[in-house]
Amino acid sequence: MPSLWKRLTFSLATLLCALSATLLLAALATEHWVSGRILCGTGAELVSANCSELDKFTGHIYYGLFQGQKTRRCGLGNRSAKIYIFPTLVQTLNTGLHVMVIVFLLVAVGFALLSLSFSIYNARKVPYQSIKGPAGLYIWNTIAVVFGSLAVLCFLAAVRHHRLTERVSNYQETLFNFSVLDERLDWSFWLGVASVATHGVVCVVVAMSRIKLPKPQSKKQSEQPTVTAEVLMY
């Protein structure tokens, strides 16, 4: 049976692993990885809009790994359209890079759940094999950090170097051409980053579990004088 300190630290590691897996699943399921403003350049050129009139041709867009939404403003009011990445839109993107982001996140979720099970095991029992103890937790959390970081970096590469937002905003647009005025990484993306950071905290907590706290020592009883036969003679 592990000590109280180890039960507390591994219980905290269990909560952190569960939090990390939840953050990754939430990032996969939500649609706010990127948000920004898009300008309907074709509409603005047709009416020769000046700077003060460009707001009438400025729409908004947000999207995630699977879907999103686009609001177009081309001088005819707001027109919203749902964006579905799969199965057709992904063909116009960097397909391999986009699929790699999803695969890396799923692998990170798997290792987060594996770390969760090992944390529960260590909180309840003393492992007899090193791979089941802190060493195993270091390995699984490090792998989760690596795959989570790769997913984040691949998505950044798709956004910054492969013009992901521009491709998404111009998908199936035959009459109008949209340019990206500004874009920013939204909260779904930062959930993935937070998950990576959480695994780093788990490693710190596991390291803390090996710290030996000082045990309370009971006061030693005062030594009783030894009575010998020679003393009794006096």
Protein backbone atom coordinates (compact mmCIF):
# COMPACT_ATOMS: atom_id res chain seq x y z
CA MET A 1 0.00 0.00 0.00
CA PRO A 2 1.55 3.37 -0.97
CA SER A 3 2.11 6.04 1.64
CA LEU A 4 -0.33 8.88 2.15
CA TRP A 5 1.95 11.34 0.33
CA LYS A 6 2.18 9.10 -2.73
CA ARG A 7 -1.57 8.53 -2.76
CA LEU A 8 -2.15 12.29 -2.72
CA THR A 9 0.36 13.07 -5.48
CA PHE A 10 -0.80 10.26 -7.76
CA SER A 11 -4.42 11.24 -7.17
CA LEU A 12 -3.51 14.75 -8.32
CA ALA A 13 -1.74 13.25 -11.35
CA THR A 14 -4.92 11.28 -12.10
CA LEU A 15 -7.00 14.46 -12.11
CA LEU A 16 -4.48 16.22 -14.36
CA CYS A 17 -4.41 13.34 -16.86
CA ALA A 18 -8.21 13.34 -16.98
CA LEU A 19 -8.15 17.11 -17.51
CA SER A 20 -5.64 16.78 -20.35
CA ALA A 21 -7.72 14.15 -22.17
CA THR A 22 -10.83 16.30 -21.73
CA LEU A 23 -9.07 19.35 -23.14
CA LEU A 24 -7.92 17.44 -26.20
CA LEU A 25 -11.36 16.00 -26.88
CA ALA A 26 -12.90 19.45 -26.47
CA ALA A 27 -10.36 20.89 -28.91
CA LEU A 28 -11.20 18.20 -31.45
CA ALA A 29 -14.94 18.71 -31.11
CA THR A 30 -15.13 22.51 -31.15
CA GLU A 31 -14.99 24.88 -34.13
CA HIS A 32 -12.91 27.81 -32.90
CA TRP A 33 -9.34 26.93 -33.80
CA VAL A 34 -9.05 30.04 -36.00
CA SER A 35 -11.24 33.10 -36.34
CA GLY A 36 -10.81 36.23 -38.43
CA ARG A 37 -12.22 38.80 -40.81
CA ILE A 38 -12.52 38.35 -44.56
CA LEU A 39 -12.96 41.04 -47.21
CA CYS A 40 -15.12 40.48 -50.27
CA GLY A 41 -12.65 42.04 -52.69
CA THR A 42 -14.78 41.47 -55.78
CA GLY A 43 -17.77 43.31 -54.34
CA ALA A 44 -15.63 46.20 -53.11
CA GLU A 45 -14.04 46.61 -56.55
CA LEU A 46 -17.39 46.55 -58.36
CA VAL A 47 -18.67 49.58 -56.46
CA SER A 48 -15.23 51.18 -56.01
CA ALA A 49 -15.71 51.26 -52.26
CA ASN A 50 -13.54 53.66 -50.30
CA CYS A 51 -11.98 52.97 -46.92
CA SER A 52 -15.04 54.10 -44.97
CA GLU A 53 -17.29 51.76 -46.96
CA LEU A 54 -15.18 48.62 -46.61
CA ASP A 55 -17.10 47.59 -43.49
CA LYS A 56 -20.06 46.76 -45.73
CA PHE A 57 -17.87 44.15 -47.46
CA THR A 58 -16.13 42.74 -44.41
CA GLY A 59 -17.36 39.40 -43.09
CA HIS A 60 -16.25 36.97 -40.42
CA ILE A 61 -15.06 33.38 -40.38
CA TYR A 62 -14.22 30.75 -37.80
CA TYR A 63 -13.44 27.08 -38.22
CA GLY A 64 -12.00 24.03 -36.52
CA LEU A 65 -10.62 20.71 -37.66
CA PHE A 66 -13.96 19.43 -38.97
CA GLN A 67 -16.31 22.36 -39.50
CA GLY A 68 -16.91 26.06 -39.00
CA GLN A 69 -18.96 29.00 -40.28
CA LYS A 70 -18.46 31.88 -42.68
CA THR A 71 -20.42 35.15 -42.82
CA ARG A 72 -20.12 36.90 -46.17
CA ARG A 73 -20.80 40.58 -46.76
CA CYS A 74 -20.65 41.50 -50.43
CA GLY A 75 -22.95 44.51 -50.40
CA LEU A 76 -26.07 42.36 -50.12
CA GLY A 77 -26.19 42.04 -46.34
CA ASN A 78 -24.98 39.19 -44.16
CA ARG A 79 -25.07 35.71 -45.65
CA SER A 80 -23.95 32.88 -43.40
CA ALA A 81 -22.77 29.50 -44.65
CA LYS A 82 -21.69 26.41 -42.77
CA ILE A 83 -18.21 25.09 -43.47
CA TYR A 84 -17.59 21.33 -43.58
CA ILE A 85 -13.95 20.29 -43.88
CA PHE A 86 -14.75 16.67 -44.71
CA PRO A 87 -15.22 15.10 -47.18
CA THR A 88 -14.66 17.60 -50.02
CA LEU A 89 -13.06 20.76 -48.61
CA VAL A 90 -10.07 18.84 -47.23
CA GLN A 91 -9.12 18.00 -50.84
CA THR A 92 -8.39 21.67 -51.55
CA LEU A 93 -6.27 22.01 -48.38
CA ASN A 94 -2.97 20.38 -47.57
CA THR A 95 -4.71 17.06 -46.93
CA GLY A 96 -1.74 15.25 -45.41
CA LEU A 97 -0.96 18.04 -42.98
CA HIS A 98 -4.58 18.43 -41.88
CA VAL A 99 -5.01 14.70 -41.32
CA MET A 100 -1.72 14.57 -39.41
CA VAL A 101 -3.05 17.17 -36.96
CA ILE A 102 -6.10 15.02 -36.22
CA VAL A 103 -4.09 11.79 -35.95
CA PHE A 104 -1.51 13.35 -33.63
CA LEU A 105 -4.28 14.66 -31.36
CA LEU A 106 -5.95 11.26 -31.23
CA VAL A 107 -2.65 9.58 -30.34
CA ALA A 108 -2.11 12.20 -27.62
CA VAL A 109 -5.58 11.41 -26.24
CA GLY A 110 -4.70 7.71 -26.17
CA PHE A 111 -1.52 8.28 -24.18
CA ALA A 112 -3.31 10.70 -21.87
CA LEU A 113 -5.81 7.94 -21.06
CA LEU A 114 -2.94 5.46 -20.60
CA SER A 115 -1.28 7.88 -18.18
CA LEU A 116 -4.63 8.20 -16.39
CA SER A 117 -4.87 4.44 -15.85
CA PHE A 118 -1.27 4.24 -14.60
CA SER A 119 -1.86 7.12 -12.19
CA ILE A 120 -4.89 5.35 -10.74
CA TYR A 121 -2.86 2.14 -10.38
CA ASN A 122 -0.01 3.91 -8.57
CA ALA A 123 -2.43 5.71 -6.26
CA ARG A 124 -3.85 2.38 -5.08
CA LYS A 125 -0.96 -0.08 -5.26
CA VAL A 126 2.81 -0.23 -5.08
CA PRO A 127 4.00 -1.42 -8.52
CA TYR A 128 6.50 -4.29 -8.67
CA GLN A 129 7.73 -3.36 -12.14
CA SER A 130 9.39 -0.02 -12.88
CA ILE A 131 7.42 0.46 -16.11
CA LYS A 132 4.21 0.49 -14.06
CA GLY A 133 5.52 3.08 -11.64
CA PRO A 134 6.84 6.63 -12.06
CA ALA A 135 9.13 5.58 -14.94
CA GLY A 136 6.13 4.50 -16.99
CA LEU A 137 4.27 7.70 -16.20
CA TYR A 138 7.25 9.76 -17.37
CA ILE A 139 7.31 7.83 -20.65
CA TRP A 140 3.57 8.03 -21.41
CA ASN A 141 3.31 11.72 -20.51
CA THR A 142 6.40 12.57 -22.55
CA ILE A 143 4.94 10.79 -25.57
CA ALA A 144 1.65 12.66 -25.08
CA VAL A 145 3.58 15.95 -24.96
CA VAL A 146 5.46 15.08 -28.16
CA PHE A 147 2.35 14.19 -30.17
CA GLY A 148 0.35 17.11 -28.77
CA SER A 149 3.16 19.50 -29.68
CA LEU A 150 3.43 18.01 -33.18
CA ALA A 151 -0.31 18.55 -33.70
CA VAL A 152 -0.05 22.18 -32.61
CA LEU A 153 3.00 22.83 -34.80
CA CYS A 154 1.44 21.16 -37.84
CA PHE A 155 -1.69 23.28 -37.49
CA LEU A 156 0.42 26.43 -37.17
CA ALA A 157 2.25 25.46 -40.35
CA ALA A 158 -1.06 24.97 -42.16
CA VAL A 159 -2.35 28.38 -41.05
CA ARG A 160 0.81 30.45 -41.50
CA HIS A 161 2.54 28.81 -44.45
CA HIS A 162 -0.25 27.11 -46.40
CA ARG A 163 -2.86 29.92 -46.21
CA LEU A 164 -5.44 27.71 -44.58
CA THR A 165 -7.92 30.50 -43.80
CA GLU A 166 -7.79 31.88 -47.33
CA ARG A 167 -8.43 28.47 -48.83
CA VAL A 168 -11.33 27.79 -46.49
CA SER A 169 -12.95 31.19 -47.11
CA ASN A 170 -12.74 30.86 -50.92
CA TYR A 171 -14.02 27.30 -51.14
CA GLN A 172 -16.81 26.94 -53.75
CA GLU A 173 -16.83 30.69 -54.39
CA THR A 174 -17.29 31.30 -58.13
CA LEU A 175 -18.44 34.93 -58.22
CA PHE A 176 -16.54 36.49 -55.34
CA ASN A 177 -12.97 36.42 -54.16
CA PHE A 178 -12.20 36.80 -50.44
CA SER A 179 -8.99 38.00 -48.86
CA VAL A 180 -8.07 37.59 -45.21
CA LEU A 181 -7.83 40.90 -43.36
CA ASP A 182 -6.75 39.37 -40.08
CA GLU A 183 -6.81 36.00 -38.37
CA ARG A 184 -6.04 34.78 -34.89
CA LEU A 185 -5.72 31.49 -33.10
CA ASP A 186 -8.89 31.02 -31.09
CA TRP A 187 -9.68 29.25 -27.83
CA SER A 188 -10.01 25.73 -29.29
CA PHE A 189 -6.37 25.91 -30.37
CA TRP A 190 -5.31 27.07 -26.92
CA LEU A 191 -7.12 24.11 -25.36
CA GLY A 192 -4.64 21.87 -27.18
CA VAL A 193 -1.73 23.97 -25.95
CA ALA A 194 -3.09 23.79 -22.39
CA SER A 195 -3.28 20.01 -22.65
CA VAL A 196 0.40 19.81 -23.60
CA ALA A 197 1.30 22.02 -20.63
CA THR A 198 -0.83 19.84 -18.33
CA HIS A 199 1.26 16.76 -19.15
CA GLY A 200 4.36 18.71 -18.17
CA VAL A 201 2.76 19.46 -14.81
CA VAL A 202 1.97 15.74 -14.41
CA CYS A 203 5.68 14.92 -14.74
CA VAL A 204 6.45 17.46 -12.00
CA VAL A 205 3.78 15.95 -9.73
CA VAL A 206 5.13 12.43 -10.32
CA ALA A 207 8.62 13.66 -9.42
CA MET A 208 7.20 15.12 -6.21
CA SER A 209 5.78 11.71 -5.26
CA ARG A 210 9.31 10.40 -4.72
CA ILE A 211 10.15 13.06 -2.15
CA LYS A 212 10.44 11.46 1.27
CA LEU A 213 8.76 13.62 3.84
CA PRO A 214 10.21 13.58 7.33
CA LYS A 215 8.34 11.22 9.62
CA PRO A 216 7.21 12.50 12.99
CA GLN A 217 9.51 11.08 15.65
CA SER A 218 8.26 10.21 19.10
CA LYS A 219 10.22 11.51 22.05
CA LYS A 220 12.68 8.99 23.37
CA GLN A 221 12.03 7.84 26.83
CA SER A 222 14.63 8.96 29.31
CA GLU A 223 17.08 6.24 29.94
CA GLN A 224 16.55 4.43 33.23
CA PRO A 225 19.65 4.02 35.36
CA THR A 226 20.85 0.47 35.37
CA VAL A 227 20.86 -1.11 38.80
CA THR A 228 23.67 -3.53 39.40
CA ALA A 229 24.57 -5.71 42.36
CA GLU A 230 27.43 -3.41 43.32
CA VAL A 231 25.06 -0.44 43.58
CA LEU A 232 22.71 -2.39 45.82
CA MET A 233 25.59 -3.15 48.22
CA TYR A 234 25.89 0.58 48.94
